[in-house]
Protein backbone atom coordinates (compact mmCIF):
# COMPACT_ATOMS: atom_id res chain seq x y z
CA UNK A 1 160.36 108.01 139.30
CA UNK A 2 161.25 109.21 135.65
CA UNK A 3 162.12 112.95 135.16
CA UNK A 4 159.25 114.77 133.42
CA UNK A 5 159.91 116.88 130.40
CA UNK A 6 159.31 120.37 130.35
CA UNK A 7 158.24 122.41 127.43
CA UNK A 8 156.66 119.93 124.73
CA UNK A 9 154.18 117.31 125.11
CA UNK A 10 154.85 113.91 123.90
CA UNK A 11 152.60 114.45 121.00
CA UNK A 12 154.68 117.02 119.40
CA UNK A 13 157.52 114.57 118.89
CA UNK A 14 155.41 112.64 116.43
CA UNK A 15 156.44 112.56 112.85
CA UNK A 16 154.41 115.40 110.97
CA UNK A 17 151.31 114.29 109.17
CA UNK A 18 151.97 113.19 105.63
CA UNK A 19 150.63 116.02 102.94
CA UNK A 20 148.62 114.86 100.04
CA UNK A 21 150.24 114.97 96.70
CA UNK A 22 147.59 117.43 95.31
CA UNK A 23 148.07 119.89 98.07
CA UNK A 24 152.00 119.67 97.53
CA UNK A 25 151.84 120.10 93.70
CA UNK A 26 149.27 122.93 94.13
CA UNK A 27 151.81 124.89 96.37
CA UNK A 28 154.80 124.19 94.09
CA UNK A 29 152.71 125.25 90.92
CA UNK A 30 151.96 128.52 92.82
CA UNK A 31 155.61 129.33 93.52
CA UNK A 32 156.39 128.53 90.07
CA UNK A 33 153.93 130.70 88.27
CA UNK A 34 151.54 128.45 86.38
CA UNK A 35 148.69 128.85 88.63
CA UNK A 36 145.72 128.76 86.34
CA UNK A 37 144.74 125.78 84.15
CA UNK A 38 143.28 128.06 81.52
CA UNK A 39 146.55 129.80 81.15
CA UNK A 40 148.16 126.55 80.44
CA UNK A 41 145.42 125.95 77.83
CA UNK A 42 145.93 128.90 75.89
CA UNK A 43 149.66 128.33 75.71
CA UNK A 44 149.41 124.56 74.73
CA UNK A 45 146.06 124.41 72.99
CA UNK A 46 145.89 122.76 69.78
CA UNK A 47 142.73 124.45 68.73
CA UNK A 48 143.70 127.51 66.73
CA UNK A 49 146.87 129.83 66.35
CA UNK A 50 145.61 133.46 67.57
CA UNK A 51 147.33 136.48 66.47
CA UNK A 52 149.26 137.97 69.44
CA UNK A 53 147.32 140.38 71.57
CA UNK A 54 143.88 139.73 69.78
CA UNK A 55 142.10 140.09 73.00
CA UNK A 56 143.78 143.22 74.07
CA UNK A 57 142.74 145.24 71.02
CA UNK A 58 140.48 148.27 71.83
CA UNK A 59 137.89 147.75 69.21
CA UNK A 60 135.47 144.84 69.25
CA UNK A 61 135.71 144.97 65.47
CA UNK A 62 139.23 144.53 65.68
CA UNK A 63 138.91 141.46 67.78
CA UNK A 64 136.32 140.00 65.69
CA UNK A 65 138.18 140.37 62.46
CA UNK A 66 141.24 138.91 64.12
CA UNK A 67 139.44 136.00 65.26
CA UNK A 68 137.85 135.38 61.88
CA UNK A 69 141.35 135.53 60.13
CA UNK A 70 142.69 133.10 62.66
CA UNK A 71 139.58 130.63 62.37
CA UNK A 72 139.72 130.53 58.65
CA UNK A 73 143.49 130.13 58.40
CA UNK A 74 143.61 127.42 60.97
CA UNK A 75 143.76 123.85 59.76
CA UNK A 76 143.94 122.41 63.35
CA UNK A 77 140.38 123.45 64.39
CA UNK A 78 137.73 120.66 64.78
CA UNK A 79 134.54 122.90 64.17
CA UNK A 80 133.68 125.40 61.65
CA UNK A 81 135.36 128.74 61.76
CA UNK A 82 132.44 130.60 63.30
CA UNK A 83 131.91 128.22 66.16
CA UNK A 84 135.84 127.90 66.74
CA UNK A 85 136.14 131.75 66.85
CA UNK A 86 133.28 132.24 69.24
CA UNK A 87 134.59 129.50 71.25
CA UNK A 88 138.10 131.12 71.80
CA UNK A 89 136.08 134.53 72.46
CA UNK A 90 133.91 132.99 75.33
CA UNK A 91 136.93 130.99 76.87
CA UNK A 92 138.58 134.47 77.07
CA UNK A 93 135.93 136.12 78.79
CA UNK A 94 135.29 133.27 80.98
CA UNK A 95 139.10 132.97 81.83
CA UNK A 96 139.08 136.76 82.83
CA UNK A 97 136.33 136.09 85.29
CA UNK A 98 135.98 138.80 88.01
CA UNK A 99 139.41 140.10 86.92
CA UNK A 100 138.19 141.66 83.71
CA UNK A 101 137.40 145.31 83.95
CA UNK A 102 134.01 146.35 83.25
CA UNK A 103 135.24 148.08 79.91
CA UNK A 104 137.30 145.22 78.80
CA UNK A 105 134.27 142.88 79.36
CA UNK A 106 132.09 145.26 77.19
CA UNK A 107 134.41 145.38 74.43
CA UNK A 108 134.76 141.35 74.43
CA UNK A 109 130.92 141.08 74.69
CA UNK A 110 130.38 143.41 71.89
CA UNK A 111 133.00 141.33 69.81
CA UNK A 112 130.58 138.48 70.01
CA UNK A 113 128.01 140.63 68.19
CA UNK A 114 130.83 141.95 65.72
CA UNK A 115 131.82 138.27 65.13
CA UNK A 116 128.18 137.35 64.24
CA UNK A 117 128.32 140.18 61.59
CA UNK A 118 131.47 139.37 60.21
CA UNK A 119 130.56 135.90 59.66
CA UNK A 120 126.92 136.79 58.50
CA UNK A 121 125.25 135.24 61.29
CA UNK A 122 122.74 137.78 62.50
CA UNK A 123 120.22 136.58 65.13
CA UNK A 124 116.80 136.02 63.90
CA UNK A 125 114.58 138.97 64.56
CA UNK A 126 111.20 138.34 66.33
């Protein structure tokens, strides 16, 4: 009669299950720091060149004026300047998500109003 092995079962000697490619790449990406696809978009985007720290400005007006300057100076945008600037602002707000503080969210949402003003796009009064 064969000797019975103690400890591990026969199933534990099988090769480990093969991991999917996406799980492996996700794990290595997190170790390397590029965790969010939106961060990569902001770095590699061909949409518009923004002034450094534009979304960190304390004043909504400063954010709006900076976006206007960038949108009008850019030759790489695919939409009119107002639309490109508003798109970048919305992208930043969405990118921040739950991690945006209430104050930062307030400033960026107010920047939308200011952006409409500096581009003379006042909403229609009812």
